[in-house]
Amino acid sequence: MSQNFATTGTIAAIATAIAPQQGSVGIVRLSGSQAFAIAHKLFQAPGKQVWESHRILYGYIRHPQTQQTIDEALLLIMQAPRSYTREDVVEFHCHGGIMAVQQVLQLCIENGASLAQPGEFTLRAFLNGRLDLTQAESIADLVGAKSSQAAQTALAGLQGKLAQPIRELRNQCLDILAEIEARIDFEDDLPPLDCKYIIQEFAKISLEINRILATADKGELLRTGLKVAIVGRPNVGKSSLLNAWSRTDRAIVTPLPGTTRDVVESQLVVAGIPVKVLDTAGIRETEDTVEKIGVERSRKAVQSADLVILTIDASQGWTSEDKEIYEQVKHRPLILVINKIDLIDLASAENVEIQNSINVEILPIASPKGINQIVKTAAAKNQGIEDLEIAILETVQTGKVKAADTDFAINQRQAAALLQAKTSLTQVQATIEQNLPFDFWTIDLRAAIHALGEITGEEVTESVLERIFSKFCIGK
């Protein structure tokens, strides 16, 4: 392993988020052969408490030289191999805050422990065979989950629901490789290889790889969330829409055009999908310097958004300004929100012109590459929000970002390895069809087996491990 990861010795780290007055308990975790010895030096358990595995002791953390009391705490003991890392592990459960846990961590380091690198506890769990690489990555996803659905998907990966089909595919490839290599060594003693059957098996494997690859979009969506920009000309109700949707007064709402001068963000969850909503400044030509900056930021928000909600005022219909904004945002997946629908009576004769403006003027521009959905809302009265969420989910399923319906979801690294395996299998089939010798078959088949092994960690390089575990938090 690289020097970036200490895979021997005893490591220590703060295993909980620490902030002033933000947590009642702070945990310092140690793992390694000296964990128990360090705990004995620092922790004094009054009475006749027994130091044995999977017990919690009550006592005091004291400086071993001065005997100064650092904290009143609990000590959790987990003896190898029944621990997270399959090494001896101890945890000091201290009072929350900054000073107590930092002092305890410093004492651990002074008495023989090394400060853990990011993800080093989980790395040791992987190297010691407790977890495969998909499970280790699922732990990071679980820690960083932004919604209940993201957490459930990560938990499925932690339970091995991704590793199992990958291992089955790899084993199938290994079985085929064994058959081929047997013909290389003992061709005269074995019946001819059924090439048609081998090609059919490769086709089945490729089909299963495609099924797993289809979960990549869902994985990316659950991990990073959906960025949605609400755009439109000034005073069409964008801020009211954000407030109604988020059930807060996040954005300032006034009858004056140009009230929103900057992009306002709100974090929501829609059917398990994290959604970052950006309420943008009204897009229009203006001489106001501050508003002009806000309009430019609105345009940048559109460029980075996964989905744009173009909002218009129902009482004014589809205006030339709306059309100009549409021309600027039509390259993005789009939902049209007709807001302030409560201000007009579409059945009255005097509003026939507005009704035609809404229903006739807009619909002709709707197309698969244009407006995906049209939703009518009355944001000031909290009406139409549910319809908007339904439209967003339908756009996710049929638009640019497509989430597969499956228990697990792969990440970008796993998707790249699967694509490599699929490409290698295609090369094997081409080699067979060209009637090349068996030795040539094995080259690409081994490459496919290696790629599948990289996903679970059965075949993995040091650089891959460094890339994966460097993204973990310290203490995990």
Protein backbone atom coordinates (compact mmCIF):
# COMPACT_ATOMS: atom_id res chain seq x y z
CA MET A 1 0.00 0.00 0.00
CA SER A 2 0.96 3.64 -0.43
CA GLN A 3 2.40 5.67 2.39
CA ASN A 4 -0.84 7.66 2.29
CA PHE A 5 -2.48 4.78 4.15
CA ALA A 6 -1.06 3.35 7.37
CA THR A 7 -2.16 -0.28 7.26
CA THR A 8 -0.15 -1.32 10.31
CA GLY A 9 -0.04 0.09 13.81
CA THR A 10 -2.87 1.69 15.74
CA ILE A 11 -4.89 4.57 14.35
CA ALA A 12 -7.13 7.08 16.10
CA ALA A 13 -9.65 9.69 14.97
CA ILE A 14 -12.70 11.63 16.08
CA ALA A 15 -15.59 9.58 14.72
CA THR A 16 -18.41 12.10 15.19
CA ALA A 17 -19.11 15.55 13.79
CA ILE A 18 -17.90 18.09 16.33
CA ALA A 19 -19.21 21.65 16.67
CA PRO A 20 -19.66 23.93 19.68
CA GLN A 21 -22.95 23.23 21.49
CA GLN A 22 -24.14 21.03 18.61
CA GLY A 23 -23.73 17.51 19.98
CA SER A 24 -24.17 15.80 23.33
CA VAL A 25 -21.65 13.00 22.64
CA GLY A 26 -18.30 12.93 20.86
CA ILE A 27 -16.54 9.66 20.00
CA VAL A 28 -12.81 9.01 19.64
CA ARG A 29 -12.14 5.68 17.92
CA LEU A 30 -8.97 3.59 17.95
CA SER A 31 -8.18 0.50 15.88
CA GLY A 32 -5.09 -1.68 15.96
CA SER A 33 -2.95 -3.93 18.11
CA GLN A 34 -2.23 -1.23 20.71
CA ALA A 35 -5.81 0.00 21.08
CA PHE A 36 -6.45 -1.88 24.36
CA ALA A 37 -3.07 -0.89 25.83
CA ILE A 38 -3.73 2.80 25.09
CA ALA A 39 -7.21 2.53 26.59
CA HIS A 40 -5.76 0.99 29.77
CA LYS A 41 -3.33 3.90 30.07
CA LEU A 42 -5.97 6.59 29.66
CA PHE A 43 -9.18 5.16 31.13
CA GLN A 44 -9.88 4.46 34.78
CA ALA A 45 -12.98 2.38 35.49
CA PRO A 46 -13.97 2.52 39.16
CA GLY A 47 -15.16 -0.58 41.01
CA LYS A 48 -14.85 -4.09 39.65
CA GLN A 49 -15.89 -3.50 36.05
CA VAL A 50 -14.64 -6.26 33.74
CA TRP A 51 -12.52 -5.34 30.73
CA GLU A 52 -13.85 -7.73 28.12
CA SER A 53 -15.04 -7.57 24.54
CA HIS A 54 -18.35 -5.92 23.72
CA ARG A 55 -18.81 -4.35 27.12
CA ILE A 56 -19.27 -0.70 27.97
CA LEU A 57 -17.28 0.62 30.93
CA TYR A 58 -18.00 3.80 32.87
CA GLY A 59 -15.18 5.91 34.20
CA TYR A 60 -12.76 8.77 33.69
CA ILE A 61 -10.21 9.66 31.05
CA ARG A 62 -7.08 10.86 32.83
CA HIS A 63 -3.67 12.06 31.72
CA PRO A 64 -1.33 9.09 32.44
CA GLN A 65 1.45 11.29 33.86
CA THR A 66 -0.36 14.08 35.70
CA GLN A 67 -3.54 12.10 36.48
CA GLN A 68 -5.54 15.19 35.50
CA THR A 69 -9.13 14.27 34.66
CA ILE A 70 -9.89 15.09 31.03
CA ASP A 71 -13.50 13.87 30.89
CA GLU A 72 -16.09 11.61 32.43
CA ALA A 73 -16.81 9.06 29.73
CA LEU A 74 -17.82 5.60 28.56
CA LEU A 75 -15.42 3.10 27.00
CA LEU A 76 -16.66 0.62 24.40
CA ILE A 77 -14.45 -2.43 23.85
CA MET A 78 -14.56 -4.58 20.67
CA GLN A 79 -11.97 -7.31 20.39
CA ALA A 80 -10.81 -8.67 17.02
CA PRO A 81 -12.24 -10.08 14.85
CA ARG A 82 -15.68 -8.94 16.09
CA SER A 83 -15.23 -5.29 15.18
CA TYR A 84 -15.71 -2.95 12.25
CA THR A 85 -12.08 -3.30 11.12
CA ARG A 86 -11.58 -6.90 12.35
CA GLU A 87 -8.86 -5.43 14.58
CA ASP A 88 -9.01 -4.55 18.26
CA VAL A 89 -11.18 -1.44 18.50
CA VAL A 90 -11.99 0.85 21.41
CA GLU A 91 -14.16 3.94 21.48
CA PHE A 92 -14.12 6.73 24.04
CA HIS A 93 -17.62 8.19 24.29
CA CYS A 94 -16.99 11.66 25.64
CA HIS A 95 -19.11 14.72 26.24
CA GLY A 96 -19.79 16.55 22.99
CA GLY A 97 -18.12 19.76 21.99
CA ILE A 98 -14.63 20.57 20.81
CA MET A 99 -12.23 20.52 23.72
CA ALA A 100 -12.95 17.17 25.38
CA VAL A 101 -12.67 15.02 22.25
CA GLN A 102 -9.65 16.91 20.93
CA GLN A 103 -7.81 16.46 24.21
CA VAL A 104 -8.63 12.74 24.25
CA LEU A 105 -7.48 12.34 20.64
CA GLN A 106 -4.23 14.14 21.44
CA LEU A 107 -3.63 11.82 24.42
CA CYS A 108 -4.17 8.78 22.18
CA ILE A 109 -1.59 10.09 19.70
CA GLU A 110 0.90 10.89 22.47
CA ASN A 111 0.58 7.33 23.73
CA GLY A 112 1.33 5.51 20.50
CA ALA A 113 -1.56 5.95 18.07
CA SER A 114 -1.31 7.62 14.66
CA LEU A 115 -3.91 10.01 13.30
CA ALA A 116 -6.13 8.08 10.88
CA GLN A 117 -6.22 9.05 7.23
CA PRO A 118 -9.59 9.67 5.51
CA GLY A 119 -11.43 6.37 5.22
CA GLU A 120 -8.69 4.36 6.91
CA PHE A 121 -11.00 2.49 9.28
CA THR A 122 -13.10 1.30 6.33
CA LEU A 123 -9.96 0.60 4.30
CA ARG A 124 -8.78 -1.74 7.06
CA ALA A 125 -12.17 -3.41 7.10
CA PHE A 126 -11.76 -4.02 3.35
CA LEU A 127 -8.16 -5.22 3.58
CA ASN A 128 -9.08 -7.55 6.44
CA GLY A 129 -11.89 -9.12 4.42
CA ARG A 130 -14.85 -7.79 6.36
CA LEU A 131 -16.15 -5.74 3.42
CA ASP A 132 -15.79 -5.88 -0.33
CA LEU A 133 -15.19 -2.71 -2.30
CA THR A 134 -18.85 -2.19 -3.26
CA GLN A 135 -19.82 -2.39 0.42
CA ALA A 136 -17.09 0.07 1.38
CA GLU A 137 -18.33 2.56 -1.23
CA SER A 138 -21.91 2.02 -0.02
CA ILE A 139 -20.82 3.08 3.46
CA ALA A 140 -19.62 6.40 2.06
CA ASP A 141 -22.90 6.76 0.17
CA LEU A 142 -24.87 6.00 3.33
CA VAL A 143 -22.98 8.63 5.32
CA GLY A 144 -23.54 11.21 2.58
CA ALA A 145 -27.15 10.26 1.74
CA LYS A 146 -29.37 13.29 1.15
CA SER A 147 -32.69 11.44 1.21
CA SER A 148 -34.28 8.30 2.62
CA GLN A 149 -34.26 6.67 -0.84
CA ALA A 150 -30.53 7.39 -1.23
CA ALA A 151 -29.94 5.84 2.20
CA GLN A 152 -31.96 2.73 1.31
CA THR A 153 -30.07 2.30 -1.97
CA ALA A 154 -26.74 2.64 -0.14
CA LEU A 155 -27.91 0.15 2.46
CA ALA A 156 -28.76 -2.33 -0.31
CA GLY A 157 -25.19 -2.03 -1.56
CA LEU A 158 -23.88 -2.51 1.97
CA GLN A 159 -25.91 -5.71 2.23
CA GLY A 160 -24.22 -7.06 -0.89
CA LYS A 161 -27.05 -6.70 -3.41
CA LEU A 162 -24.65 -5.16 -5.94
CA ALA A 163 -21.67 -7.42 -5.22
CA GLN A 164 -23.68 -10.63 -5.67
CA PRO A 165 -24.60 -10.22 -9.38
CA ILE A 166 -21.10 -8.89 -10.16
CA ARG A 167 -19.50 -11.96 -8.58
CA GLU A 168 -21.86 -14.25 -10.46
CA LEU A 169 -20.88 -12.62 -13.77
CA ARG A 170 -17.20 -12.92 -12.92
CA ASN A 171 -17.59 -16.58 -11.95
CA GLN A 172 -19.35 -17.31 -15.24
CA CYS A 173 -16.44 -15.72 -17.10
CA LEU A 174 -13.96 -17.72 -15.02
CA ASP A 175 -15.81 -20.95 -15.85
CA ILE A 176 -15.65 -20.16 -19.57
CA LEU A 177 -11.96 -19.27 -19.25
CA ALA A 178 -11.29 -22.62 -17.58
CA GLU A 179 -13.00 -24.43 -20.48
CA ILE A 180 -10.93 -22.54 -23.04
CA GLU A 181 -7.62 -23.04 -21.23
CA ALA A 182 -8.39 -26.74 -20.85
CA ARG A 183 -8.58 -26.95 -24.66
CA ILE A 184 -5.24 -25.18 -24.94
CA ASP A 185 -3.52 -27.71 -22.66
CA PHE A 186 -5.48 -30.89 -23.46
CA GLU A 187 -7.14 -30.26 -26.82
CA ASP A 188 -6.62 -33.84 -28.02
CA ASP A 189 -8.16 -35.37 -24.90
CA LEU A 190 -11.35 -33.24 -24.74
CA PRO A 191 -14.39 -32.88 -27.02
CA PRO A 192 -14.46 -29.80 -29.29
CA LEU A 193 -15.54 -26.56 -27.68
CA ASP A 194 -19.10 -25.50 -28.51
CA CYS A 195 -18.39 -22.00 -29.88
CA LYS A 196 -22.07 -21.25 -30.43
CA TYR A 197 -22.79 -22.00 -26.78
CA ILE A 198 -19.87 -19.78 -25.65
CA ILE A 199 -21.15 -16.86 -27.73
CA GLN A 200 -24.65 -17.31 -26.27
CA GLU A 201 -23.19 -17.24 -22.76
CA PHE A 202 -21.31 -14.03 -23.53
CA ALA A 203 -24.55 -12.51 -24.85
CA LYS A 204 -26.33 -13.38 -21.58
CA ILE A 205 -23.50 -11.86 -19.54
CA SER A 206 -23.56 -8.68 -21.64
CA LEU A 207 -27.33 -8.43 -21.17
CA GLU A 208 -26.93 -8.60 -17.39
CA ILE A 209 -24.16 -6.01 -17.55
CA ASN A 210 -26.53 -3.71 -19.45
CA ARG A 211 -29.16 -4.20 -16.74
CA ILE A 212 -26.71 -3.17 -14.03
CA LEU A 213 -25.39 -0.26 -16.10
CA ALA A 214 -28.94 1.07 -16.35
CA THR A 215 -28.78 1.90 -12.62
CA ALA A 216 -25.93 4.39 -13.07
CA ASP A 217 -28.24 7.36 -13.72
CA LYS A 218 -30.28 6.55 -10.65
CA GLY A 219 -27.12 6.33 -8.56
CA GLU A 220 -25.88 9.68 -9.77
CA LEU A 221 -29.29 11.24 -9.20
CA LEU A 222 -29.56 9.95 -5.63
CA ARG A 223 -26.00 10.96 -4.74
CA THR A 224 -25.86 14.43 -6.25
CA GLY A 225 -29.56 15.27 -6.41
CA LEU A 226 -31.44 17.27 -9.03
CA LYS A 227 -30.71 20.95 -9.58
CA VAL A 228 -33.84 22.85 -10.63
CA ALA A 229 -33.83 26.52 -11.69
CA ILE A 230 -37.04 28.58 -11.53
CA VAL A 231 -36.82 31.24 -14.24
CA GLY A 232 -39.09 33.81 -15.80
CA ARG A 233 -39.58 37.52 -16.24
CA PRO A 234 -39.97 39.71 -13.12
CA ASN A 235 -43.10 39.45 -10.96
CA VAL A 236 -44.54 36.23 -12.38
CA GLY A 237 -44.46 34.55 -8.95
CA LYS A 238 -41.14 32.69 -8.96
CA SER A 239 -40.39 33.49 -5.32
CA SER A 240 -43.96 32.69 -4.27
CA LEU A 241 -43.56 29.33 -6.02
CA LEU A 242 -40.35 28.60 -4.13
CA ASN A 243 -41.94 29.59 -0.80
CA ALA A 244 -45.03 27.45 -1.41
CA TRP A 245 -42.93 24.50 -2.53
CA SER A 246 -40.46 24.67 0.36
CA ARG A 247 -43.17 25.68 2.87
CA THR A 248 -40.98 28.54 4.07
CA ASP A 249 -40.58 32.27 3.51
CA ARG A 250 -37.20 31.62 1.94
CA ALA A 251 -37.59 34.29 -0.72
CA ILE A 252 -38.83 37.86 -0.34
CA VAL A 253 -42.12 38.46 -2.15
CA THR A 254 -43.38 41.94 -3.10
CA PRO A 255 -45.51 43.34 -5.95
CA LEU A 256 -42.44 45.23 -7.20
CA PRO A 257 -40.63 43.79 -10.23
CA GLY A 258 -36.94 43.01 -9.63
CA THR A 259 -37.28 42.21 -5.92
CA THR A 260 -35.13 39.09 -6.22
CA ARG A 261 -31.62 40.32 -6.99
CA ASP A 262 -29.68 37.09 -6.49
CA VAL A 263 -30.14 33.33 -6.74
CA VAL A 264 -31.92 31.93 -3.67
CA GLU A 265 -31.40 28.22 -2.90
CA SER A 266 -33.64 25.77 -1.08
CA GLN A 267 -33.05 22.04 -0.42
CA LEU A 268 -36.07 19.77 -0.90
CA VAL A 269 -36.77 16.06 -1.32
CA VAL A 270 -39.24 14.90 -3.97
CA ALA A 271 -40.19 11.20 -3.82
CA GLY A 272 -36.83 10.35 -2.30
CA ILE A 273 -34.80 12.44 -4.75
CA PRO A 274 -32.81 15.38 -3.31
CA VAL A 275 -33.70 18.56 -5.15
CA LYS A 276 -31.82 21.86 -4.98
CA VAL A 277 -34.22 24.59 -6.10
CA LEU A 278 -32.78 27.87 -7.39
CA ASP A 279 -35.08 30.89 -7.38
CA THR A 280 -33.51 33.25 -9.88
CA ALA A 281 -33.80 36.95 -10.50
CA GLY A 282 -36.34 37.94 -13.14
CA ILE A 283 -34.72 37.91 -16.57
CA ARG A 284 -35.13 41.22 -18.36
CA GLU A 285 -33.09 44.06 -19.79
CA THR A 286 -32.31 46.57 -17.04
CA GLU A 287 -30.03 49.53 -16.34
CA ASP A 288 -29.91 48.78 -12.61
CA THR A 289 -26.35 47.56 -11.92
CA VAL A 290 -27.28 45.23 -9.06
CA GLU A 291 -30.27 43.76 -10.89
CA LYS A 292 -28.13 43.29 -14.01
CA ILE A 293 -25.70 41.15 -11.96
CA GLY A 294 -28.66 39.12 -10.66
CA VAL A 295 -29.95 38.54 -14.20
CA GLU A 296 -26.51 37.33 -15.31
CA ARG A 297 -26.39 34.93 -12.36
CA SER A 298 -29.83 33.67 -13.35
CA ARG A 299 -28.54 32.82 -16.81
CA LYS A 300 -25.58 30.95 -15.28
CA ALA A 301 -27.96 29.04 -12.98
CA VAL A 302 -29.87 27.88 -16.06
CA GLN A 303 -26.66 26.55 -17.61
CA SER A 304 -25.88 24.42 -14.54
CA ALA A 305 -29.45 23.22 -13.90
CA ASP A 306 -30.65 19.71 -14.67
CA LEU A 307 -34.19 21.00 -15.12
CA VAL A 308 -35.66 24.45 -15.77
CA ILE A 309 -39.07 25.60 -14.55
CA LEU A 310 -40.14 28.44 -16.84
CA THR A 311 -42.80 30.44 -15.00
CA ILE A 312 -45.31 32.77 -16.63
CA ASP A 313 -48.19 34.89 -15.32
CA ALA A 314 -51.59 33.41 -16.26
CA SER A 315 -53.27 36.78 -16.00
CA GLN A 316 -51.03 38.17 -18.73
CA GLY A 317 -50.69 35.08 -20.92
CA TRP A 318 -47.75 34.19 -23.14
CA THR A 319 -45.91 37.45 -23.75
CA SER A 320 -43.08 38.38 -26.08
CA GLU A 321 -40.79 38.58 -23.01
CA ASP A 322 -41.74 35.01 -22.07
CA LYS A 323 -40.93 33.88 -25.58
CA GLU A 324 -37.52 35.58 -25.43
CA ILE A 325 -36.71 33.78 -22.15
CA TYR A 326 -37.93 30.50 -23.63
CA GLU A 327 -35.48 30.90 -26.49
CA GLN A 328 -32.67 31.25 -23.92
CA VAL A 329 -33.62 28.15 -21.88
CA LYS A 330 -35.18 25.79 -24.43
CA HIS A 331 -31.97 23.76 -24.71
CA ARG A 332 -32.53 22.46 -21.15
CA PRO A 333 -35.15 19.92 -19.97
CA LEU A 334 -38.10 22.20 -19.33
CA ILE A 335 -41.36 22.40 -17.39
CA LEU A 336 -43.72 25.31 -18.02
CA VAL A 337 -45.53 26.62 -14.94
CA ILE A 338 -48.55 28.84 -15.59
CA ASN A 339 -48.77 30.65 -12.25
CA LYS A 340 -51.42 32.96 -10.76
CA ILE A 341 -54.14 30.85 -12.30
CA ASP A 342 -56.36 31.98 -9.41
CA LEU A 343 -56.39 35.54 -10.76
CA ILE A 344 -58.39 34.71 -13.88
CA ASP A 345 -61.64 32.99 -14.70
CA LEU A 346 -60.88 31.06 -17.87
CA ALA A 347 -64.60 30.50 -18.49
CA SER A 348 -65.52 34.19 -18.66
CA ALA A 349 -65.87 35.81 -22.06
CA GLU A 350 -63.56 38.70 -21.21
CA ASN A 351 -60.68 36.29 -20.63
CA VAL A 352 -61.07 34.26 -23.81
CA GLU A 353 -58.10 36.08 -25.31
CA ILE A 354 -55.90 35.19 -22.30
CA GLN A 355 -57.17 31.61 -22.37
CA ASN A 356 -56.23 31.30 -26.02
CA SER A 357 -52.85 32.86 -25.23
CA ILE A 358 -52.16 30.20 -22.60
CA ASN A 359 -53.58 27.12 -24.28
CA VAL A 360 -53.04 27.82 -27.97
CA GLU A 361 -49.96 29.98 -28.14
CA ILE A 362 -47.87 27.78 -25.84
CA LEU A 363 -48.83 24.28 -26.88
CA PRO A 364 -47.43 24.53 -30.43
CA ILE A 365 -43.90 25.01 -29.04
CA ALA A 366 -44.18 21.95 -26.79
CA SER A 367 -42.06 19.10 -28.13
CA PRO A 368 -39.84 16.30 -26.78
CA LYS A 369 -36.89 18.67 -27.09
CA GLY A 370 -38.81 21.63 -25.75
CA ILE A 371 -41.36 21.81 -22.96
CA ASN A 372 -41.80 18.44 -21.30
CA GLN A 373 -44.71 19.31 -19.01
CA ILE A 374 -47.21 22.15 -18.46
CA VAL A 375 -48.44 22.76 -14.91
CA LYS A 376 -50.94 25.33 -13.67
CA THR A 377 -50.38 26.76 -10.18
CA ALA A 378 -51.57 29.40 -7.76
CA ALA A 379 -48.44 29.66 -5.65
CA ALA A 380 -49.83 32.40 -3.39
CA LYS A 381 -52.57 29.93 -2.34
CA ASN A 382 -50.31 26.84 -2.28
CA GLN A 383 -52.17 25.29 -5.20
CA GLY A 384 -50.62 23.08 -7.88
CA ILE A 385 -47.43 22.17 -5.97
CA GLU A 386 -48.27 18.47 -5.99
CA ASP A 387 -48.88 18.62 -9.75
CA LEU A 388 -45.48 20.28 -10.15
CA GLU A 389 -43.73 17.50 -8.23
CA ILE A 390 -45.49 14.87 -10.34
CA ALA A 391 -44.34 16.66 -13.49
CA ILE A 392 -40.76 16.75 -12.20
CA LEU A 393 -40.80 13.01 -11.49
CA GLU A 394 -42.23 12.26 -14.94
CA THR A 395 -39.53 14.43 -16.51
CA VAL A 396 -36.86 12.61 -14.54
CA GLN A 397 -38.16 9.26 -15.78
CA THR A 398 -38.56 10.26 -19.43
CA GLY A 399 -36.14 13.13 -19.86
CA LYS A 400 -32.40 13.62 -19.75
CA VAL A 401 -31.93 12.01 -16.33
CA LYS A 402 -33.44 8.55 -16.22
CA ALA A 403 -33.62 6.66 -12.93
CA ALA A 404 -33.87 2.88 -13.20
CA ASP A 405 -36.23 1.04 -10.86
CA THR A 406 -33.88 -1.22 -8.92
CA ASP A 407 -32.73 -1.89 -5.37
CA PHE A 408 -29.12 -0.86 -5.92
CA ALA A 409 -27.36 1.75 -8.02
CA ILE A 410 -23.80 1.82 -9.30
CA ASN A 411 -21.42 4.77 -9.20
CA GLN A 412 -19.21 6.18 -11.95
CA ARG A 413 -16.19 4.00 -11.09
CA GLN A 414 -18.28 0.85 -11.15
CA ALA A 415 -19.97 1.89 -14.40
CA ALA A 416 -16.59 2.47 -16.07
CA ALA A 417 -15.41 -1.01 -15.02
CA LEU A 418 -18.62 -2.61 -16.30
CA LEU A 419 -18.25 -0.83 -19.64
CA GLN A 420 -14.69 -2.13 -19.87
CA ALA A 421 -15.90 -5.67 -19.15
CA LYS A 422 -18.62 -5.38 -21.78
CA THR A 423 -16.14 -4.07 -24.39
CA SER A 424 -13.73 -6.91 -23.64
CA LEU A 425 -16.47 -9.51 -24.02
CA THR A 426 -17.43 -8.01 -27.37
CA GLN A 427 -13.80 -8.34 -28.45
CA VAL A 428 -13.80 -12.01 -27.42
CA GLN A 429 -16.86 -12.68 -29.58
CA ALA A 430 -15.16 -10.97 -32.52
CA THR A 431 -12.08 -13.13 -31.98
CA ILE A 432 -14.21 -16.29 -31.99
CA GLU A 433 -15.98 -15.28 -35.19
CA GLN A 434 -12.58 -14.71 -36.85
CA ASN A 435 -11.60 -18.31 -35.97
CA LEU A 436 -8.45 -17.20 -34.17
CA PRO A 437 -6.64 -19.64 -31.83
CA PHE A 438 -7.83 -20.17 -28.24
CA ASP A 439 -4.90 -18.16 -26.86
CA PHE A 440 -6.35 -15.02 -28.42
CA TRP A 441 -9.72 -15.68 -26.80
CA THR A 442 -8.22 -15.62 -23.34
CA ILE A 443 -6.61 -12.18 -23.67
CA ASP A 444 -9.85 -10.15 -23.73
CA LEU A 445 -11.69 -12.60 -21.48
CA ARG A 446 -9.06 -12.08 -18.79
CA ALA A 447 -9.48 -8.32 -19.25
CA ALA A 448 -13.24 -8.68 -18.64
CA ILE A 449 -12.62 -10.80 -15.53
CA HIS A 450 -10.15 -8.21 -14.24
CA ALA A 451 -12.62 -5.35 -14.80
CA LEU A 452 -15.38 -7.18 -12.92
CA GLY A 453 -12.93 -7.98 -10.12
CA GLU A 454 -12.07 -4.29 -9.79
CA ILE A 455 -15.68 -3.54 -8.87
CA THR A 456 -15.75 -5.83 -5.83
CA GLY A 457 -12.06 -5.44 -5.00
CA GLU A 458 -10.96 -8.96 -5.88
CA GLU A 459 -8.57 -7.37 -8.36
CA VAL A 460 -7.75 -3.79 -7.48
CA THR A 461 -4.75 -1.49 -7.71
CA GLU A 462 -3.30 0.73 -5.05
CA SER A 463 -4.23 3.86 -7.01
CA VAL A 464 -7.88 2.79 -7.12
CA LEU A 465 -7.95 2.28 -3.36
CA GLU A 466 -6.38 5.68 -2.78
CA ARG A 467 -8.92 7.35 -5.05
CA ILE A 468 -11.86 5.67 -3.31
CA PHE A 469 -10.90 6.06 0.32
CA SER A 470 -9.51 9.58 0.05
CA LYS A 471 -13.11 10.72 -0.44
CA PHE A 472 -14.18 9.34 2.95
CA CYS A 473 -14.36 11.45 6.07
CA ILE A 474 -11.70 11.03 8.75
CA GLY A 475 -12.97 8.65 11.44
CA LYS A 476 -14.83 6.42 8.97
